[in-house]
Amino acid sequence: MAAMMTKSFASTTVAARAARSSRVVANAAVEWYGPERPKYLGPFSENDTPSYLTGEFAGDYGWDTAGLSADPETFRRYREIELIHARWALQ
């Protein structure tokens, strides 16, 4: 009986956490992505961001002085390499 109550309680808790976390993710996505995202100089960098940095990817604060993201194919390759290095660092 106690096992059934614990299992029922655990599934309710998991469902409640999932419902709360989906709302948090939606709010976070609105805040950190897109044209209204925070930029590297805050309000002073409004028209100073390159046109190819649209806020589509994580970590895009509108700053690319070396032009590393200008070519989409090169940017894709750098993103893949960064993921590989992050996975090695976590091991």
PDB file of N, CA and C in Angstrom:
ATOM      1  N   MET A   1       0.823  -1.188   0.000  1.00  0.00           N
ATOM      2  CA  MET A   1       0.000   0.000   0.000  1.00  0.00           C
ATOM      3  C   MET A   1       0.868   1.253   0.000  1.00  0.00           C
ATOM      4  N   ALA A   2       1.897   1.265   0.831  1.00  0.00           N
ATOM      5  CA  ALA A   2       2.777   2.436   0.900  1.00  0.00           C
ATOM      6  C   ALA A   2       3.519   2.627  -0.417  1.00  0.00           C
ATOM      7  N   ALA A   3       3.886   1.510  -1.076  1.00  0.00           N
ATOM      8  CA  ALA A   3       4.575   1.608  -2.361  1.00  0.00           C
ATOM      9  C   ALA A   3       3.665   2.221  -3.419  1.00  0.00           C
ATOM     10  N   MET A   4       2.386   1.857  -3.391  1.00  0.00           N
ATOM     11  CA  MET A   4       1.443   2.427  -4.359  1.00  0.00           C
ATOM     12  C   MET A   4       1.268   3.922  -4.122  1.00  0.00           C
ATOM     13  N   MET A   5       1.203   4.338  -2.861  1.00  0.00           N
ATOM     14  CA  MET A   5       1.024   5.755  -2.555  1.00  0.00           C
ATOM     15  C   MET A   5       2.263   6.548  -2.963  1.00  0.00           C
ATOM     16  N   THR A   6       3.446   5.970  -2.714  1.00  0.00           N
ATOM     17  CA  THR A   6       4.686   6.651  -3.085  1.00  0.00           C
ATOM     18  C   THR A   6       4.785   6.785  -4.591  1.00  0.00           C
ATOM     19  N   LYS A   7       4.434   5.736  -5.312  1.00  0.00           N
ATOM     20  CA  LYS A   7       4.503   5.769  -6.775  1.00  0.00           C
ATOM     21  C   LYS A   7       3.517   6.806  -7.323  1.00  0.00           C
ATOM     22  N   SER A   8       2.323   6.833  -6.786  1.00  0.00           N
ATOM     23  CA  SER A   8       1.321   7.795  -7.222  1.00  0.00           C
ATOM     24  C   SER A   8       1.786   9.221  -6.919  1.00  0.00           C
ATOM     25  N   PHE A   9       2.338   9.423  -5.727  1.00  0.00           N
ATOM     26  CA  PHE A   9       2.832  10.745  -5.344  1.00  0.00           C
ATOM     27  C   PHE A   9       3.986  11.159  -6.252  1.00  0.00           C
ATOM     28  N   ALA A  10       4.893  10.236  -6.559  1.00  0.00           N
ATOM     29  CA  ALA A  10       6.049  10.542  -7.401  1.00  0.00           C
ATOM     30  C   ALA A  10       5.608  10.931  -8.803  1.00  0.00           C
ATOM     31  N   SER A  11       4.649  10.221  -9.377  1.00  0.00           N
ATOM     32  CA  SER A  11       4.210  10.565 -10.731  1.00  0.00           C
ATOM     33  C   SER A  11       3.504  11.913 -10.755  1.00  0.00           C
ATOM     34  N   THR A  12       2.760  12.231  -9.693  1.00  0.00           N
ATOM     35  CA  THR A  12       2.113  13.544  -9.603  1.00  0.00           C
ATOM     36  C   THR A  12       3.166  14.647  -9.497  1.00  0.00           C
ATOM     37  N   THR A  13       4.191  14.421  -8.704  1.00  0.00           N
ATOM     38  CA  THR A  13       5.252  15.403  -8.537  1.00  0.00           C
ATOM     39  C   THR A  13       5.992  15.627  -9.851  1.00  0.00           C
ATOM     40  N   VAL A  14       6.297  14.560 -10.573  1.00  0.00           N
ATOM     41  CA  VAL A  14       6.984  14.678 -11.858  1.00  0.00           C
ATOM     42  C   VAL A  14       6.129  15.447 -12.859  1.00  0.00           C
ATOM     43  N   ALA A  15       4.840  15.146 -12.886  1.00  0.00           N
ATOM     44  CA  ALA A  15       3.944  15.851 -13.803  1.00  0.00           C
ATOM     45  C   ALA A  15       3.857  17.331 -13.446  1.00  0.00           C
ATOM     46  N   ALA A  16       3.816  17.642 -12.168  1.00  0.00           N
ATOM     47  CA  ALA A  16       3.758  19.044 -11.742  1.00  0.00           C
ATOM     48  C   ALA A  16       5.046  19.772 -12.093  1.00  0.00           C
ATOM     49  N   ARG A  17       6.188  19.124 -11.914  1.00  0.00           N
ATOM     50  CA  ARG A  17       7.470  19.740 -12.275  1.00  0.00           C
ATOM     51  C   ARG A  17       7.558  19.976 -13.770  1.00  0.00           C
ATOM     52  N   ALA A  18       7.102  19.024 -14.557  1.00  0.00           N
ATOM     53  CA  ALA A  18       7.133  19.173 -16.010  1.00  0.00           C
ATOM     54  C   ALA A  18       6.271  20.344 -16.457  1.00  0.00           C
ATOM     55  N   ALA A  19       5.110  20.499 -15.842  1.00  0.00           N
ATOM     56  CA  ALA A  19       4.228  21.619 -16.195  1.00  0.00           C
ATOM     57  C   ALA A  19       4.878  22.951 -15.832  1.00  0.00           C
ATOM     58  N   ARG A  20       5.518  23.027 -14.675  1.00  0.00           N
ATOM     59  CA  ARG A  20       6.172  24.276 -14.268  1.00  0.00           C
ATOM     60  C   ARG A  20       7.387  24.565 -15.136  1.00  0.00           C
ATOM     61  N   SER A  21       8.194  23.552 -15.438  1.00  0.00           N
ATOM     62  CA  SER A  21       9.414  23.790 -16.207  1.00  0.00           C
ATOM     63  C   SER A  21       9.106  24.210 -17.632  1.00  0.00           C
ATOM     64  N   SER A  22       8.002  23.745 -18.218  1.00  0.00           N
ATOM     65  CA  SER A  22       7.684  24.151 -19.586  1.00  0.00           C
ATOM     66  C   SER A  22       7.347  25.633 -19.641  1.00  0.00           C
ATOM     67  N   ARG A  23       6.727  26.153 -18.606  1.00  0.00           N
ATOM     68  CA  ARG A  23       6.438  27.595 -18.568  1.00  0.00           C
ATOM     69  C   ARG A  23       7.707  28.398 -18.390  1.00  0.00           C
ATOM     70  N   VAL A  24       8.626  27.918 -17.580  1.00  0.00           N
ATOM     71  CA  VAL A  24       9.879  28.630 -17.343  1.00  0.00           C
ATOM     72  C   VAL A  24      10.705  28.673 -18.623  1.00  0.00           C
ATOM     73  N   VAL A  25      10.760  27.575 -19.351  1.00  0.00           N
ATOM     74  CA  VAL A  25      11.517  27.536 -20.607  1.00  0.00           C
ATOM     75  C   VAL A  25      10.931  28.513 -21.612  1.00  0.00           C
ATOM     76  N   ALA A  26       9.624  28.592 -21.695  1.00  0.00           N
ATOM     77  CA  ALA A  26       9.003  29.515 -22.644  1.00  0.00           C
ATOM     78  C   ALA A  26       9.353  30.956 -22.296  1.00  0.00           C
ATOM     79  N   ASN A  27       9.317  31.306 -21.019  1.00  0.00           N
ATOM     80  CA  ASN A  27       9.682  32.663 -20.615  1.00  0.00           C
ATOM     81  C   ASN A  27      11.154  32.936 -20.876  1.00  0.00           C
ATOM     82  N   ALA A  28      12.017  31.965 -20.612  1.00  0.00           N
ATOM     83  CA  ALA A  28      13.445  32.150 -20.838  1.00  0.00           C
ATOM     84  C   ALA A  28      13.744  32.319 -22.318  1.00  0.00           C
ATOM     85  N   ALA A  29      13.055  31.585 -23.162  1.00  0.00           N
ATOM     86  CA  ALA A  29      13.292  31.695 -24.603  1.00  0.00           C
ATOM     87  C   ALA A  29      12.930  33.083 -25.110  1.00  0.00           C
ATOM     88  N   VAL A  30      11.872  33.642 -24.610  1.00  0.00           N
ATOM     89  CA  VAL A  30      11.461  34.981 -25.024  1.00  0.00           C
ATOM     90  C   VAL A  30      12.483  36.012 -24.563  1.00  0.00           C
ATOM     91  N   GLU A  31      13.036  35.810 -23.386  1.00  0.00           N
ATOM     92  CA  GLU A  31      13.953  36.787 -22.815  1.00  0.00           C
ATOM     93  C   GLU A  31      15.327  36.784 -23.470  1.00  0.00           C
ATOM     94  N   TRP A  32      15.854  35.626 -23.866  1.00  0.00           N
ATOM     95  CA  TRP A  32      17.241  35.516 -24.315  1.00  0.00           C
ATOM     96  C   TRP A  32      17.423  35.346 -25.809  1.00  0.00           C
ATOM     97  N   TYR A  33      16.360  35.189 -26.591  1.00  0.00           N
ATOM     98  CA  TYR A  33      16.484  34.986 -28.031  1.00  0.00           C
ATOM     99  C   TYR A  33      15.710  36.056 -28.779  1.00  0.00           C
ATOM    100  N   GLY A  34      16.085  36.286 -30.031  1.00  0.00           N
ATOM    101  CA  GLY A  34      15.355  37.213 -30.879  1.00  0.00           C
ATOM    102  C   GLY A  34      15.917  38.623 -30.851  1.00  0.00           C
ATOM    103  N   PRO A  35      15.269  39.537 -31.522  1.00  0.00           N
ATOM    104  CA  PRO A  35      15.800  40.888 -31.647  1.00  0.00           C
ATOM    105  C   PRO A  35      15.800  41.690 -30.342  1.00  0.00           C
ATOM    106  N   GLU A  36      14.979  41.320 -29.380  1.00  0.00           N
ATOM    107  CA  GLU A  36      14.924  42.045 -28.109  1.00  0.00           C
ATOM    108  C   GLU A  36      15.817  41.430 -27.037  1.00  0.00           C
ATOM    109  N   ARG A  37      16.738  40.557 -27.421  1.00  0.00           N
ATOM    110  CA  ARG A  37      17.634  39.903 -26.465  1.00  0.00           C
ATOM    111  C   ARG A  37      18.639  40.921 -25.905  1.00  0.00           C
ATOM    112  N   PRO A  38      19.258  40.618 -24.764  1.00  0.00           N
ATOM    113  CA  PRO A  38      20.303  41.506 -24.241  1.00  0.00           C
ATOM    114  C   PRO A  38      21.485  41.528 -25.203  1.00  0.00           C
ATOM    115  N   LYS A  39      22.086  42.669 -25.370  1.00  0.00           N
ATOM    116  CA  LYS A  39      23.238  42.800 -26.270  1.00  0.00           C
ATOM    117  C   LYS A  39      24.466  43.197 -25.474  1.00  0.00           C
ATOM    118  N   TYR A  40      25.632  43.093 -26.102  1.00  0.00           N
ATOM    119  CA  TYR A  40      26.894  43.224 -25.390  1.00  0.00           C
ATOM    120  C   TYR A  40      27.120  44.603 -24.784  1.00  0.00           C
ATOM    121  N   LEU A  41      26.570  45.658 -25.348  1.00  0.00           N
ATOM    122  CA  LEU A  41      26.692  46.994 -24.760  1.00  0.00           C
ATOM    123  C   LEU A  41      25.372  47.499 -24.186  1.00  0.00           C
ATOM    124  N   GLY A  42      24.440  46.608 -24.010  1.00  0.00           N
ATOM    125  CA  GLY A  42      23.141  47.001 -23.472  1.00  0.00           C
ATOM    126  C   GLY A  42      22.416  47.944 -24.415  1.00  0.00           C
ATOM    127  N   PRO A  43      21.861  49.029 -23.931  1.00  0.00           N
ATOM    128  CA  PRO A  43      21.094  49.934 -24.782  1.00  0.00           C
ATOM    129  C   PRO A  43      21.967  50.713 -25.770  1.00  0.00           C
ATOM    130  N   PHE A  44      23.288  50.727 -25.573  1.00  0.00           N
ATOM    131  CA  PHE A  44      24.174  51.484 -26.464  1.00  0.00           C
ATOM    132  C   PHE A  44      24.528  50.726 -27.739  1.00  0.00           C
ATOM    133  N   SER A  45      24.167  49.460 -27.854  1.00  0.00           N
ATOM    134  CA  SER A  45      24.515  48.671 -29.038  1.00  0.00           C
ATOM    135  C   SER A  45      23.300  48.398 -29.921  1.00  0.00           C
ATOM    136  N   GLU A  46      22.315  49.256 -29.905  1.00  0.00           N
ATOM    137  CA  GLU A  46      21.060  49.004 -30.622  1.00  0.00           C
ATOM    138  C   GLU A  46      21.255  48.858 -32.127  1.00  0.00           C
ATOM    139  N   ASN A  47      21.936  49.753 -32.787  1.00  0.00           N
ATOM    140  CA  ASN A  47      22.118  49.669 -34.244  1.00  0.00           C
ATOM    141  C   ASN A  47      23.525  49.251 -34.620  1.00  0.00           C
ATOM    142  N   ASP A  48      24.272  48.720 -33.670  1.00  0.00           N
ATOM    143  CA  ASP A  48      25.669  48.388 -33.899  1.00  0.00           C
ATOM    144  C   ASP A  48      25.902  46.893 -34.097  1.00  0.00           C
ATOM    145  N   THR A  49      24.853  46.082 -34.094  1.00  0.00           N
ATOM    146  CA  THR A  49      25.034  44.637 -34.233  1.00  0.00           C
ATOM    147  C   THR A  49      25.079  44.245 -35.704  1.00  0.00           C
ATOM    148  N   PRO A  50      25.920  43.273 -36.073  1.00  0.00           N
ATOM    149  CA  PRO A  50      25.969  42.811 -37.462  1.00  0.00           C
ATOM    150  C   PRO A  50      24.634  42.205 -37.899  1.00  0.00           C
ATOM    151  N   SER A  51      24.319  42.308 -39.157  1.00  0.00           N
ATOM    152  CA  SER A  51      23.027  41.837 -39.663  1.00  0.00           C
ATOM    153  C   SER A  51      22.876  40.319 -39.577  1.00  0.00           C
ATOM    154  N   TYR A  52      23.977  39.573 -39.586  1.00  0.00           N
ATOM    155  CA  TYR A  52      23.896  38.108 -39.549  1.00  0.00           C
ATOM    156  C   TYR A  52      23.710  37.572 -38.136  1.00  0.00           C
ATOM    157  N   LEU A  53      23.814  38.395 -37.116  1.00  0.00           N
ATOM    158  CA  LEU A  53      23.553  37.967 -35.740  1.00  0.00           C
ATOM    159  C   LEU A  53      22.131  38.369 -35.376  1.00  0.00           C
ATOM    160  N   THR A  54      21.223  37.414 -35.513  1.00  0.00           N
ATOM    161  CA  THR A  54      19.801  37.693 -35.342  1.00  0.00           C
ATOM    162  C   THR A  54      19.247  37.256 -33.993  1.00  0.00           C
ATOM    163  N   GLY A  55      20.069  36.631 -33.157  1.00  0.00           N
ATOM    164  CA  GLY A  55      19.587  36.146 -31.865  1.00  0.00           C
ATOM    165  C   GLY A  55      18.980  34.768 -31.949  1.00  0.00           C
ATOM    166  N   GLU A  56      19.263  34.065 -33.021  1.00  0.00           N
ATOM    167  CA  GLU A  56      18.703  32.729 -33.232  1.00  0.00           C
ATOM    168  C   GLU A  56      19.402  31.664 -32.393  1.00  0.00           C
ATOM    169  N   PHE A  57      20.682  31.863 -32.083  1.00  0.00           N
ATOM    170  CA  PHE A  57      21.469  30.850 -31.380  1.00  0.00           C
ATOM    171  C   PHE A  57      21.806  31.304 -29.965  1.00  0.00           C
ATOM    172  N   ALA A  58      22.048  30.329 -29.103  1.00  0.00           N
ATOM    173  CA  ALA A  58      22.414  30.634 -27.720  1.00  0.00           C
ATOM    174  C   ALA A  58      23.741  31.376 -27.669  1.00  0.00           C
ATOM    175  N   GLY A  59      23.840  32.347 -26.783  1.00  0.00           N
ATOM    176  CA  GLY A  59      25.076  33.103 -26.624  1.00  0.00           C
ATOM    177  C   GLY A  59      25.248  34.232 -27.616  1.00  0.00           C
ATOM    178  N   ASP A  60      24.250  34.524 -28.425  1.00  0.00           N
ATOM    179  CA  ASP A  60      24.341  35.603 -29.413  1.00  0.00           C
ATOM    180  C   ASP A  60      23.974  36.926 -28.744  1.00  0.00           C
ATOM    181  N   TYR A  61      24.999  37.691 -28.418  1.00  0.00           N
ATOM    182  CA  TYR A  61      24.785  39.003 -27.809  1.00  0.00           C
ATOM    183  C   TYR A  61      25.091  40.127 -28.801  1.00  0.00           C
ATOM    184  N   GLY A  62      25.186  39.798 -30.085  1.00  0.00           N
ATOM    185  CA  GLY A  62      25.389  40.811 -31.105  1.00  0.00           C
ATOM    186  C   GLY A  62      26.811  41.321 -31.200  1.00  0.00           C
ATOM    187  N   TRP A  63      27.788  40.521 -30.822  1.00  0.00           N
ATOM    188  CA  TRP A  63      29.167  40.972 -30.839  1.00  0.00           C
ATOM    189  C   TRP A  63      30.029  39.969 -31.601  1.00  0.00           C
ATOM    190  N   ASP A  64      30.599  40.393 -32.712  1.00  0.00           N
ATOM    191  CA  ASP A  64      31.468  39.549 -33.522  1.00  0.00           C
ATOM    192  C   ASP A  64      32.467  40.446 -34.249  1.00  0.00           C
ATOM    193  N   THR A  65      33.433  40.982 -33.529  1.00  0.00           N
ATOM    194  CA  THR A  65      34.373  41.925 -34.116  1.00  0.00           C
ATOM    195  C   THR A  65      35.291  41.273 -35.139  1.00  0.00           C
ATOM    196  N   ALA A  66      35.573  39.980 -34.998  1.00  0.00           N
ATOM    197  CA  ALA A  66      36.459  39.290 -35.936  1.00  0.00           C
ATOM    198  C   ALA A  66      35.712  38.755 -37.153  1.00  0.00           C
ATOM    199  N   GLY A  67      34.388  38.798 -37.149  1.00  0.00           N
ATOM    200  CA  GLY A  67      33.607  38.306 -38.285  1.00  0.00           C
ATOM    201  C   GLY A  67      33.597  36.797 -38.405  1.00  0.00           C
ATOM    202  N   LEU A  68      33.759  36.094 -37.304  1.00  0.00           N
ATOM    203  CA  LEU A  68      33.815  34.630 -37.335  1.00  0.00           C
ATOM    204  C   LEU A  68      32.483  33.997 -37.712  1.00  0.00           C
ATOM    205  N   SER A  69      31.388  34.705 -37.532  1.00  0.00           N
ATOM    206  CA  SER A  69      30.064  34.149 -37.828  1.00  0.00           C
ATOM    207  C   SER A  69      29.492  34.652 -39.143  1.00  0.00           C
ATOM    208  N   ALA A  70      30.250  35.401 -39.897  1.00  0.00           N
ATOM    209  CA  ALA A  70      29.728  36.015 -41.124  1.00  0.00           C
ATOM    210  C   ALA A  70      29.351  34.974 -42.176  1.00  0.00           C
ATOM    211  N   ASP A  71      30.160  33.935 -42.317  1.00  0.00           N
ATOM    212  CA  ASP A  71      29.872  32.870 -43.277  1.00  0.00           C
ATOM    213  C   ASP A  71      29.069  31.775 -42.576  1.00  0.00           C
ATOM    214  N   PRO A  72      27.854  31.453 -43.048  1.00  0.00           N
ATOM    215  CA  PRO A  72      27.019  30.455 -42.361  1.00  0.00           C
ATOM    216  C   PRO A  72      27.671  29.078 -42.249  1.00  0.00           C
ATOM    217  N   GLU A  73      28.398  28.656 -43.259  1.00  0.00           N
ATOM    218  CA  GLU A  73      29.034  27.333 -43.215  1.00  0.00           C
ATOM    219  C   GLU A  73      30.157  27.298 -42.173  1.00  0.00           C
ATOM    220  N   THR A  74      30.942  28.342 -42.102  1.00  0.00           N
ATOM    221  CA  THR A  74      32.002  28.426 -41.099  1.00  0.00           C
ATOM    222  C   THR A  74      31.402  28.482 -39.699  1.00  0.00           C
ATOM    223  N   PHE A  75      30.330  29.240 -39.534  1.00  0.00           N
ATOM    224  CA  PHE A  75      29.656  29.337 -38.240  1.00  0.00           C
ATOM    225  C   PHE A  75      29.122  27.970 -37.808  1.00  0.00           C
ATOM    226  N   ARG A  76      28.549  27.223 -38.748  1.00  0.00           N
ATOM    227  CA  ARG A  76      28.051  25.882 -38.434  1.00  0.00           C
ATOM    228  C   ARG A  76      29.189  24.986 -37.966  1.00  0.00           C
ATOM    229  N   ARG A  77      30.338  25.069 -38.651  1.00  0.00           N
ATOM    230  CA  ARG A  77      31.489  24.255 -38.288  1.00  0.00           C
ATOM    231  C   ARG A  77      32.021  24.626 -36.900  1.00  0.00           C
ATOM    232  N   TYR A  78      32.137  25.927 -36.618  1.00  0.00           N
ATOM    233  CA  TYR A  78      32.602  26.373 -35.309  1.00  0.00           C
ATOM    234  C   TYR A  78      31.650  25.933 -34.194  1.00  0.00           C
ATOM    235  N   ARG A  79      30.352  25.979 -34.463  1.00  0.00           N
ATOM    236  CA  ARG A  79      29.380  25.529 -33.471  1.00  0.00           C
ATOM    237  C   ARG A  79      29.558  24.053 -33.156  1.00  0.00           C
ATOM    238  N   GLU A  80      29.751  23.242 -34.182  1.00  0.00           N
ATOM    239  CA  GLU A  80      29.955  21.802 -34.008  1.00  0.00           C
ATOM    240  C   GLU A  80      31.237  21.525 -33.233  1.00  0.00           C
ATOM    241  N   ILE A  81      32.307  22.236 -33.549  1.00  0.00           N
ATOM    242  CA  ILE A  81      33.580  22.052 -32.846  1.00  0.00           C
ATOM    243  C   ILE A  81      33.442  22.456 -31.379  1.00  0.00           C
ATOM    244  N   GLU A  82      32.717  23.522 -31.118  1.00  0.00           N
ATOM    245  CA  GLU A  82      32.510  23.958 -29.733  1.00  0.00           C
ATOM    246  C   GLU A  82      31.742  22.909 -28.928  1.00  0.00           C
ATOM    247  N   LEU A  83      30.749  22.272 -29.542  1.00  0.00           N
ATOM    248  CA  LEU A  83      30.015  21.200 -28.857  1.00  0.00           C
ATOM    249  C   LEU A  83      30.914  20.016 -28.543  1.00  0.00           C
ATOM    250  N   ILE A  84      31.774  19.652 -29.485  1.00  0.00           N
ATOM    251  CA  ILE A  84      32.685  18.533 -29.261  1.00  0.00           C
ATOM    252  C   ILE A  84      33.631  18.851 -28.104  1.00  0.00           C
ATOM    253  N   HIS A  85      34.171  20.066 -28.079  1.00  0.00           N
ATOM    254  CA  HIS A  85      35.092  20.438 -26.990  1.00  0.00           C
ATOM    255  C   HIS A  85      34.364  20.478 -25.646  1.00  0.00           C
ATOM    256  N   ALA A  86      33.126  20.936 -25.641  1.00  0.00           N
ATOM    257  CA  ALA A  86      32.364  20.968 -24.390  1.00  0.00           C
ATOM    258  C   ALA A  86      32.113  19.562 -23.882  1.00  0.00           C
ATOM    259  N   ARG A  87      31.835  18.627 -24.775  1.00  0.00           N
ATOM    260  CA  ARG A  87      31.597  17.242 -24.355  1.00  0.00           C
ATOM    261  C   ARG A  87      32.867  16.627 -23.789  1.00  0.00           C
ATOM    262  N   TRP A  88      34.021  16.929 -24.398  1.00  0.00           N
ATOM    263  CA  TRP A  88      35.290  16.416 -23.866  1.00  0.00           C
ATOM    264  C   TRP A  88      35.574  17.033 -22.500  1.00  0.00           C
ATOM    265  N   ALA A  89      35.261  18.303 -22.318  1.00  0.00           N
ATOM    266  CA  ALA A  89      35.527  18.964 -21.043  1.00  0.00           C
ATOM    267  C   ALA A  89      34.670  18.407 -19.918  1.00  0.00           C
ATOM    268  N   LEU A  90      33.475  17.907 -20.237  1.00  0.00           N
ATOM    269  CA  LEU A  90      32.588  17.380 -19.216  1.00  0.00           C
ATOM    270  C   LEU A  90      32.920  15.950 -18.811  1.00  0.00           C
ATOM    271  N   GLN A  91      33.785  15.300 -19.533  1.00  0.00           N
ATOM    272  CA  GLN A  91      34.098  13.902 -19.190  1.00  0.00           C
ATOM    273  C   GLN A  91      35.120  13.792 -18.115  1.00  0.00           C
TER     274      GLN A  91
END
